[in-house]
Amino acid sequence: MTTTEKIANAKKRIDELERLIKYWNDSDHDEAKEVYLTMNNEKKVA
């Protein structure tokens, strides 16, 4: 494998990791909103 191929593969892995990090960060915010809404519903029922 040439150096150019290694660099291209490394860039692909970095891009994939950045997409995963962005997805996880977005998911964390969505889950926090869901938990907050669930907590509000429980208070109304009680």
Protein backbone atom coordinates (compact mmCIF):
# COMPACT_ATOMS: atom_id res chain seq x y z
CA MET A 1 0.00 0.00 0.00
CA THR A 2 1.44 3.34 -1.02
CA THR A 3 1.62 6.39 1.18
CA THR A 4 -1.07 8.07 -0.92
CA GLU A 5 -3.43 5.13 -0.36
CA LYS A 6 -2.72 5.16 3.37
CA ILE A 7 -3.50 8.88 3.55
CA ALA A 8 -6.73 8.41 1.57
CA ASN A 9 -7.83 5.59 3.90
CA ALA A 10 -6.96 7.64 6.97
CA LYS A 11 -9.04 10.57 5.65
CA LYS A 12 -12.00 8.22 5.08
CA ARG A 13 -11.74 6.91 8.65
CA ILE A 14 -11.48 10.45 10.06
CA ASP A 15 -14.55 11.55 8.07
CA GLU A 16 -16.50 8.53 9.31
CA LEU A 17 -15.50 9.20 12.92
CA GLU A 18 -16.50 12.85 12.61
CA ARG A 19 -19.92 11.82 11.27
CA LEU A 20 -20.35 9.38 14.16
CA ILE A 21 -19.36 12.01 16.73
CA LYS A 22 -21.84 14.47 15.23
CA TYR A 23 -24.56 11.80 15.25
CA TRP A 24 -23.84 10.88 18.88
CA ASN A 25 -23.85 14.53 19.94
CA ASP A 26 -27.19 15.09 18.19
CA SER A 27 -28.57 11.90 19.76
CA ASP A 28 -27.52 13.03 23.24
CA HIS A 29 -29.53 16.21 22.86
CA ASP A 30 -32.58 14.33 21.57
CA GLU A 31 -32.45 11.83 24.46
CA ALA A 32 -32.17 14.65 26.98
CA LYS A 33 -35.29 16.26 25.51
CA GLU A 34 -37.16 12.96 25.69
CA VAL A 35 -36.19 12.43 29.32
CA TYR A 36 -37.25 15.97 30.19
CA LEU A 37 -40.64 15.52 28.55
CA THR A 38 -41.11 12.18 30.25
CA MET A 39 -40.33 13.72 33.63
CA ASN A 40 -42.90 16.46 33.03
CA ASN A 41 -45.56 13.89 32.14
CA GLU A 42 -44.91 11.93 35.31
CA LYS A 43 -45.33 15.06 37.43
CA LYS A 44 -48.68 15.81 35.82
CA VAL A 45 -49.95 12.29 36.46
CA ALA A 46 -48.81 12.27 40.09
